[in-house]
PDB file of all heavy atoms in Angstrom:
ATOM      1  N   THR A   1       0.812  -1.224   0.000  1.00  0.00           N
ATOM      2  CA  THR A   1       0.000   0.000   0.000  1.00  0.00           C
ATOM      3  C   THR A   1       0.844   1.273   0.000  1.00  0.00           C
ATOM      4  O   THR A   1       0.315   2.372   0.151  1.00  0.00           O
ATOM      5  CB  THR A   1      -0.946   0.026   1.212  1.00  0.00           C
ATOM      6  OG1 THR A   1      -0.185  -0.078   2.417  1.00  0.00           O
ATOM      7  CG2 THR A   1      -1.942  -1.129   1.136  1.00  0.00           C
ATOM      8  N   GLU A   2       2.148   1.137  -0.154  1.00  0.00           N
ATOM      9  CA  GLU A   2       3.020   2.310  -0.232  1.00  0.00           C
ATOM     10  C   GLU A   2       2.892   2.990  -1.596  1.00  0.00           C
ATOM     11  O   GLU A   2       2.615   2.340  -2.606  1.00  0.00           O
ATOM     12  CB  GLU A   2       4.480   1.913  -0.001  1.00  0.00           C
ATOM     13  CG  GLU A   2       4.834   1.630   1.443  1.00  0.00           C
ATOM     14  CD  GLU A   2       6.323   1.393   1.621  1.00  0.00           C
ATOM     15  OE1 GLU A   2       6.847   0.446   1.016  1.00  0.00           O
ATOM     16  OE2 GLU A   2       6.961   2.140   2.372  1.00  0.00           O
ATOM     17  N   ALA A   3       3.127   4.281  -1.634  1.00  0.00           N
ATOM     18  CA  ALA A   3       3.221   5.007  -2.900  1.00  0.00           C
ATOM     19  C   ALA A   3       4.601   4.710  -3.512  1.00  0.00           C
ATOM     20  O   ALA A   3       5.563   4.518  -2.791  1.00  0.00           O
ATOM     21  CB  ALA A   3       3.066   6.504  -2.661  1.00  0.00           C
ATOM     22  N   PRO A   4       4.677   4.638  -4.847  1.00  0.00           N
ATOM     23  CA  PRO A   4       3.605   4.859  -5.814  1.00  0.00           C
ATOM     24  C   PRO A   4       2.825   3.603  -6.192  1.00  0.00           C
ATOM     25  O   PRO A   4       1.888   3.667  -6.975  1.00  0.00           O
ATOM     26  CB  PRO A   4       4.367   5.397  -7.023  1.00  0.00           C
ATOM     27  CG  PRO A   4       5.683   4.674  -6.961  1.00  0.00           C
ATOM     28  CD  PRO A   4       6.012   4.534  -5.491  1.00  0.00           C
ATOM     29  N   ALA A   5       3.202   2.435  -5.648  1.00  0.00           N
ATOM     30  CA  ALA A   5       2.579   1.174  -6.063  1.00  0.00           C
ATOM     31  C   ALA A   5       1.075   1.168  -5.844  1.00  0.00           C
ATOM     32  O   ALA A   5       0.310   0.638  -6.665  1.00  0.00           O
ATOM     33  CB  ALA A   5       3.229   0.007  -5.326  1.00  0.00           C
ATOM     34  N   ILE A   6       0.606   1.765  -4.746  1.00  0.00           N
ATOM     35  CA  ILE A   6      -0.817   1.731  -4.425  1.00  0.00           C
ATOM     36  C   ILE A   6      -1.658   2.405  -5.505  1.00  0.00           C
ATOM     37  O   ILE A   6      -2.793   1.983  -5.784  1.00  0.00           O
ATOM     38  CB  ILE A   6      -1.088   2.373  -3.041  1.00  0.00           C
ATOM     39  CG1 ILE A   6      -2.552   2.215  -2.637  1.00  0.00           C
ATOM     40  CG2 ILE A   6      -0.644   3.826  -3.021  1.00  0.00           C
ATOM     41  CD1 ILE A   6      -3.009   0.789  -2.480  1.00  0.00           C
ATOM     42  N   ALA A   7      -1.110   3.424  -6.152  1.00  0.00           N
ATOM     43  CA  ALA A   7      -1.861   4.104  -7.218  1.00  0.00           C
ATOM     44  C   ALA A   7      -2.133   3.159  -8.385  1.00  0.00           C
ATOM     45  O   ALA A   7      -3.228   3.185  -8.981  1.00  0.00           O
ATOM     46  CB  ALA A   7      -1.093   5.329  -7.701  1.00  0.00           C
ATOM     47  N   TYR A   8      -1.156   2.325  -8.702  1.00  0.00           N
ATOM     48  CA  TYR A   8      -1.331   1.374  -9.798  1.00  0.00           C
ATOM     49  C   TYR A   8      -2.284   0.250  -9.398  1.00  0.00           C
ATOM     50  O   TYR A   8      -3.053  -0.246 -10.233  1.00  0.00           O
ATOM     51  CB  TYR A   8       0.022   0.818 -10.220  1.00  0.00           C
ATOM     52  CG  TYR A   8       0.886   1.839 -10.918  1.00  0.00           C
ATOM     53  CD1 TYR A   8       1.825   2.580 -10.212  1.00  0.00           C
ATOM     54  CD2 TYR A   8       0.743   2.087 -12.281  1.00  0.00           C
ATOM     55  CE1 TYR A   8       2.613   3.529 -10.845  1.00  0.00           C
ATOM     56  CE2 TYR A   8       1.528   3.035 -12.922  1.00  0.00           C
ATOM     57  CZ  TYR A   8       2.461   3.751 -12.200  1.00  0.00           C
ATOM     58  OH  TYR A   8       3.232   4.697 -12.829  1.00  0.00           O
ATOM     59  N   LEU A   9      -2.258  -0.153  -8.137  1.00  0.00           N
ATOM     60  CA  LEU A   9      -3.213  -1.154  -7.664  1.00  0.00           C
ATOM     61  C   LEU A   9      -4.645  -0.626  -7.763  1.00  0.00           C
ATOM     62  O   LEU A   9      -5.561  -1.341  -8.178  1.00  0.00           O
ATOM     63  CB  LEU A   9      -2.906  -1.543  -6.219  1.00  0.00           C
ATOM     64  CG  LEU A   9      -1.831  -2.598  -5.971  1.00  0.00           C
ATOM     65  CD1 LEU A   9      -1.638  -2.800  -4.479  1.00  0.00           C
ATOM     66  CD2 LEU A   9      -2.171  -3.930  -6.638  1.00  0.00           C
ATOM     67  N   LYS A  10      -4.841   0.618  -7.364  1.00  0.00           N
ATOM     68  CA  LYS A  10      -6.173   1.220  -7.453  1.00  0.00           C
ATOM     69  C   LYS A  10      -6.628   1.297  -8.907  1.00  0.00           C
ATOM     70  O   LYS A  10      -7.807   1.066  -9.219  1.00  0.00           O
ATOM     71  CB  LYS A  10      -6.165   2.612  -6.821  1.00  0.00           C
ATOM     72  CG  LYS A  10      -6.029   2.614  -5.302  1.00  0.00           C
ATOM     73  CD  LYS A  10      -5.992   4.033  -4.750  1.00  0.00           C
ATOM     74  CE  LYS A  10      -5.906   4.052  -3.241  1.00  0.00           C
ATOM     75  NZ  LYS A  10      -5.863   5.434  -2.693  1.00  0.00           N
ATOM     76  N   SER A  11      -5.717   1.625  -9.786  1.00  0.00           N
ATOM     77  CA  SER A  11      -6.043   1.677 -11.213  1.00  0.00           C
ATOM     78  C   SER A  11      -6.469   0.304 -11.720  1.00  0.00           C
ATOM     79  O   SER A  11      -7.464   0.166 -12.438  1.00  0.00           O
ATOM     80  CB  SER A  11      -4.835   2.183 -12.002  1.00  0.00           C
ATOM     81  OG  SER A  11      -5.008   2.000 -13.397  1.00  0.00           O
ATOM     82  N   LEU A  12      -5.723  -0.724 -11.325  1.00  0.00           N
ATOM     83  CA  LEU A  12      -6.042  -2.087 -11.751  1.00  0.00           C
ATOM     84  C   LEU A  12      -7.400  -2.531 -11.206  1.00  0.00           C
ATOM     85  O   LEU A  12      -8.152  -3.240 -11.875  1.00  0.00           O
ATOM     86  CB  LEU A  12      -4.945  -3.044 -11.293  1.00  0.00           C
ATOM     87  CG  LEU A  12      -5.090  -4.514 -11.686  1.00  0.00           C
ATOM     88  CD1 LEU A  12      -5.136  -4.675 -13.210  1.00  0.00           C
ATOM     89  CD2 LEU A  12      -3.942  -5.338 -11.101  1.00  0.00           C
ATOM     90  N   ALA A  13      -7.718  -2.091  -9.997  1.00  0.00           N
ATOM     91  CA  ALA A  13      -8.988  -2.472  -9.370  1.00  0.00           C
ATOM     92  C   ALA A  13     -10.200  -1.929 -10.123  1.00  0.00           C
ATOM     93  O   ALA A  13     -11.315  -2.440  -9.960  1.00  0.00           O
ATOM     94  CB  ALA A  13      -9.015  -1.987  -7.922  1.00  0.00           C
ATOM     95  N   LEU A  14     -10.010  -0.893 -10.933  1.00  0.00           N
ATOM     96  CA  LEU A  14     -11.100  -0.318 -11.714  1.00  0.00           C
ATOM     97  C   LEU A  14     -11.400  -1.104 -12.978  1.00  0.00           C
ATOM     98  O   LEU A  14     -12.425  -0.880 -13.627  1.00  0.00           O
ATOM     99  CB  LEU A  14     -10.764   1.133 -12.084  1.00  0.00           C
ATOM    100  CG  LEU A  14     -10.684   2.125 -10.916  1.00  0.00           C
ATOM    101  CD1 LEU A  14     -10.152   3.465 -11.404  1.00  0.00           C
ATOM    102  CD2 LEU A  14     -12.045   2.295 -10.262  1.00  0.00           C
ATOM    103  N   VAL A  15     -10.509  -2.024 -13.333  1.00  0.00           N
ATOM    104  CA  VAL A  15     -10.693  -2.817 -14.550  1.00  0.00           C
ATOM    105  C   VAL A  15     -11.783  -3.863 -14.319  1.00  0.00           C
ATOM    106  O   VAL A  15     -11.749  -4.577 -13.317  1.00  0.00           O
ATOM    107  CB  VAL A  15      -9.373  -3.496 -14.955  1.00  0.00           C
ATOM    108  CG1 VAL A  15      -9.575  -4.407 -16.170  1.00  0.00           C
ATOM    109  CG2 VAL A  15      -8.293  -2.454 -15.239  1.00  0.00           C
ATOM    110  N   PRO A  16     -12.757  -3.971 -15.211  1.00  0.00           N
ATOM    111  CA  PRO A  16     -13.775  -5.020 -15.066  1.00  0.00           C
ATOM    112  C   PRO A  16     -13.142  -6.406 -14.953  1.00  0.00           C
ATOM    113  O   PRO A  16     -12.121  -6.689 -15.589  1.00  0.00           O
ATOM    114  CB  PRO A  16     -14.597  -4.888 -16.361  1.00  0.00           C
ATOM    115  CG  PRO A  16     -14.414  -3.470 -16.777  1.00  0.00           C
ATOM    116  CD  PRO A  16     -13.011  -3.112 -16.392  1.00  0.00           C
ATOM    117  N   ASN A  17     -13.729  -7.250 -14.139  1.00  0.00           N
ATOM    118  CA  ASN A  17     -13.291  -8.630 -13.893  1.00  0.00           C
ATOM    119  C   ASN A  17     -12.078  -8.734 -12.968  1.00  0.00           C
ATOM    120  O   ASN A  17     -11.559  -9.836 -12.772  1.00  0.00           O
ATOM    121  CB  ASN A  17     -12.994  -9.376 -15.206  1.00  0.00           C
ATOM    122  CG  ASN A  17     -14.204  -9.476 -16.100  1.00  0.00           C
ATOM    123  OD1 ASN A  17     -15.293  -9.829 -15.642  1.00  0.00           O
ATOM    124  ND2 ASN A  17     -14.037  -9.130 -17.368  1.00  0.00           N
ATOM    125  N   VAL A  18     -11.633  -7.629 -12.395  1.00  0.00           N
ATOM    126  CA  VAL A  18     -10.502  -7.661 -11.461  1.00  0.00           C
ATOM    127  C   VAL A  18     -10.988  -7.362 -10.049  1.00  0.00           C
ATOM    128  O   VAL A  18     -11.669  -6.351  -9.823  1.00  0.00           O
ATOM    129  CB  VAL A  18      -9.404  -6.646 -11.845  1.00  0.00           C
ATOM    130  CG1 VAL A  18      -8.302  -6.619 -10.780  1.00  0.00           C
ATOM    131  CG2 VAL A  18      -8.804  -6.996 -13.206  1.00  0.00           C
ATOM    132  N   GLU A  19     -10.655  -8.241  -9.119  1.00  0.00           N
ATOM    133  CA  GLU A  19     -10.881  -8.004  -7.693  1.00  0.00           C
ATOM    134  C   GLU A  19      -9.528  -8.009  -6.992  1.00  0.00           C
ATOM    135  O   GLU A  19      -8.694  -8.882  -7.252  1.00  0.00           O
ATOM    136  CB  GLU A  19     -11.750  -9.094  -7.074  1.00  0.00           C
ATOM    137  CG  GLU A  19     -13.191  -9.104  -7.482  1.00  0.00           C
ATOM    138  CD  GLU A  19     -13.967 -10.180  -6.721  1.00  0.00           C
ATOM    139  OE1 GLU A  19     -14.185 -10.015  -5.502  1.00  0.00           O
ATOM    140  OE2 GLU A  19     -14.316 -11.197  -7.346  1.00  0.00           O
ATOM    141  N   ILE A  20      -9.331  -7.058  -6.101  1.00  0.00           N
ATOM    142  CA  ILE A  20      -8.075  -6.985  -5.349  1.00  0.00           C
ATOM    143  C   ILE A  20      -8.393  -6.906  -3.862  1.00  0.00           C
ATOM    144  O   ILE A  20      -9.240  -6.109  -3.441  1.00  0.00           O
ATOM    145  CB  ILE A  20      -7.235  -5.761  -5.772  1.00  0.00           C
ATOM    146  CG1 ILE A  20      -6.870  -5.844  -7.257  1.00  0.00           C
ATOM    147  CG2 ILE A  20      -5.963  -5.673  -4.916  1.00  0.00           C
ATOM    148  CD1 ILE A  20      -6.133  -4.630  -7.780  1.00  0.00           C
ATOM    149  N   ARG A  21      -7.722  -7.728  -3.087  1.00  0.00           N
ATOM    150  CA  ARG A  21      -7.857  -7.651  -1.634  1.00  0.00           C
ATOM    151  C   ARG A  21      -6.473  -7.496  -1.005  1.00  0.00           C
ATOM    152  O   ARG A  21      -5.489  -8.060  -1.486  1.00  0.00           O
ATOM    153  CB  ARG A  21      -8.571  -8.885  -1.080  1.00  0.00           C
ATOM    154  CG  ARG A  21     -10.018  -8.944  -1.530  1.00  0.00           C
ATOM    155  CD  ARG A  21     -10.852  -9.984  -0.817  1.00  0.00           C
ATOM    156  NE  ARG A  21     -12.203  -9.993  -1.360  1.00  0.00           N
ATOM    157  CZ  ARG A  21     -13.185 -10.769  -0.930  1.00  0.00           C
ATOM    158  NH1 ARG A  21     -12.963 -11.616   0.080  1.00  0.00           N
ATOM    159  NH2 ARG A  21     -14.388 -10.709  -1.488  1.00  0.00           N
ATOM    160  N   ILE A  22      -6.454  -6.702   0.051  1.00  0.00           N
ATOM    161  CA  ILE A  22      -5.212  -6.416   0.781  1.00  0.00           C
ATOM    162  C   ILE A  22      -5.261  -7.129   2.126  1.00  0.00           C
ATOM    163  O   ILE A  22      -6.246  -7.015   2.862  1.00  0.00           O
ATOM    164  CB  ILE A  22      -5.036  -4.901   0.964  1.00  0.00           C
ATOM    165  CG1 ILE A  22      -4.903  -4.225  -0.413  1.00  0.00           C
ATOM    166  CG2 ILE A  22      -3.816  -4.600   1.828  1.00  0.00           C
ATOM    167  CD1 ILE A  22      -4.921  -2.725  -0.368  1.00  0.00           C
ATOM    168  N   VAL A  23      -4.194  -7.850   2.430  1.00  0.00           N
ATOM    169  CA  VAL A  23      -4.159  -8.694   3.625  1.00  0.00           C
ATOM    170  C   VAL A  23      -3.279  -8.063   4.697  1.00  0.00           C
ATOM    171  O   VAL A  23      -2.109  -7.745   4.444  1.00  0.00           O
ATOM    172  CB  VAL A  23      -3.638 -10.106   3.287  1.00  0.00           C
ATOM    173  CG1 VAL A  23      -3.612 -10.972   4.549  1.00  0.00           C
ATOM    174  CG2 VAL A  23      -4.509 -10.743   2.212  1.00  0.00           C
ATOM    175  N   THR A  24      -3.838  -7.923   5.878  1.00  0.00           N
ATOM    176  CA  THR A  24      -3.112  -7.406   7.037  1.00  0.00           C
ATOM    177  C   THR A  24      -3.197  -8.431   8.163  1.00  0.00           C
ATOM    178  O   THR A  24      -4.293  -8.720   8.651  1.00  0.00           O
ATOM    179  CB  THR A  24      -3.702  -6.071   7.519  1.00  0.00           C
ATOM    180  OG1 THR A  24      -3.725  -5.134   6.433  1.00  0.00           O
ATOM    181  CG2 THR A  24      -2.882  -5.501   8.671  1.00  0.00           C
ATOM    182  N   LEU A  25      -2.072  -9.000   8.554  1.00  0.00           N
ATOM    183  CA  LEU A  25      -2.051  -9.971   9.643  1.00  0.00           C
ATOM    184  C   LEU A  25      -1.921  -9.251  10.979  1.00  0.00           C
ATOM    185  O   LEU A  25      -1.276  -8.199  11.073  1.00  0.00           O
ATOM    186  CB  LEU A  25      -0.895 -10.957   9.470  1.00  0.00           C
ATOM    187  CG  LEU A  25      -0.935 -11.846   8.222  1.00  0.00           C
ATOM    188  CD1 LEU A  25       0.226 -12.837   8.241  1.00  0.00           C
ATOM    189  CD2 LEU A  25      -2.261 -12.579   8.091  1.00  0.00           C
ATOM    190  N   PRO A  26      -2.497  -9.810  12.034  1.00  0.00           N
ATOM    191  CA  PRO A  26      -2.440  -9.145  13.345  1.00  0.00           C
ATOM    192  C   PRO A  26      -1.040  -9.191  13.950  1.00  0.00           C
ATOM    193  O   PRO A  26      -0.258 -10.109  13.674  1.00  0.00           O
ATOM    194  CB  PRO A  26      -3.426  -9.958  14.188  1.00  0.00           C
ATOM    195  CG  PRO A  26      -3.446 -11.313  13.543  1.00  0.00           C
ATOM    196  CD  PRO A  26      -3.278 -11.059  12.074  1.00  0.00           C
ATOM    197  N   THR A  27      -0.738  -8.203  14.767  1.00  0.00           N
ATOM    198  CA  THR A  27       0.539  -8.180  15.493  1.00  0.00           C
ATOM    199  C   THR A  27       0.616  -9.383  16.426  1.00  0.00           C
ATOM    200  O   THR A  27      -0.390  -9.800  17.001  1.00  0.00           O
ATOM    201  CB  THR A  27       0.651  -6.882  16.314  1.00  0.00           C
ATOM    202  OG1 THR A  27       0.534  -5.768  15.419  1.00  0.00           O
ATOM    203  CG2 THR A  27       1.973  -6.804  17.063  1.00  0.00           C
ATOM    204  N   ALA A  28       1.791  -9.938  16.579  1.00  0.00           N
ATOM    205  CA  ALA A  28       1.980 -11.091  17.466  1.00  0.00           C
ATOM    206  C   ALA A  28       1.714 -10.701  18.914  1.00  0.00           C
ATOM    207  O   ALA A  28       1.891  -9.542  19.313  1.00  0.00           O
ATOM    208  CB  ALA A  28       3.400 -11.632  17.329  1.00  0.00           C
ATOM    209  N   SER A  29       1.296 -11.669  19.717  1.00  0.00           N
ATOM    210  CA  SER A  29       0.999 -11.404  21.131  1.00  0.00           C
ATOM    211  C   SER A  29       2.236 -10.973  21.898  1.00  0.00           C
ATOM    212  O   SER A  29       2.142 -10.312  22.938  1.00  0.00           O
ATOM    213  CB  SER A  29       0.396 -12.653  21.780  1.00  0.00           C
ATOM    214  OG  SER A  29       1.308 -13.740  21.714  1.00  0.00           O
ATOM    215  N   THR A  30       3.412 -11.334  21.372  1.00  0.00           N
ATOM    216  CA  THR A  30       4.670 -10.944  22.024  1.00  0.00           C
ATOM    217  C   THR A  30       5.075  -9.515  21.701  1.00  0.00           C
ATOM    218  O   THR A  30       6.048  -9.001  22.249  1.00  0.00           O
ATOM    219  CB  THR A  30       5.804 -11.888  21.590  1.00  0.00           C
ATOM    220  OG1 THR A  30       5.858 -11.926  20.154  1.00  0.00           O
ATOM    221  CG2 THR A  30       5.576 -13.293  22.129  1.00  0.00           C
ATOM    222  N   GLY A  31       4.330  -8.874  20.784  1.00  0.00           N
ATOM    223  CA  GLY A  31       4.652  -7.511  20.400  1.00  0.00           C
ATOM    224  C   GLY A  31       5.065  -7.409  18.946  1.00  0.00           C
ATOM    225  O   GLY A  31       5.122  -8.406  18.216  1.00  0.00           O
ATOM    226  N   PHE A  32       5.365  -6.206  18.507  1.00  0.00           N
ATOM    227  CA  PHE A  32       5.729  -5.960  17.114  1.00  0.00           C
ATOM    228  C   PHE A  32       7.027  -6.678  16.752  1.00  0.00           C
ATOM    229  O   PHE A  32       8.008  -6.618  17.492  1.00  0.00           O
ATOM    230  CB  PHE A  32       5.882  -4.462  16.862  1.00  0.00           C
ATOM    231  CG  PHE A  32       6.214  -4.126  15.433  1.00  0.00           C
ATOM    232  CD1 PHE A  32       5.206  -4.014  14.490  1.00  0.00           C
ATOM    233  CD2 PHE A  32       7.529  -3.932  15.031  1.00  0.00           C
ATOM    234  CE1 PHE A  32       5.508  -3.714  13.170  1.00  0.00           C
ATOM    235  CE2 PHE A  32       7.835  -3.630  13.716  1.00  0.00           C
ATOM    236  CZ  PHE A  32       6.820  -3.524  12.779  1.00  0.00           C
TER     237      PHE A  32
END
């Protein structure tokens, strides 16, 4: 999701038949 890559991902997401999902895993219980 950093710039400038995120701008191109958003552009790709506008294309018909394209779905994009971004995955965020939770922080470990021991900390960052």
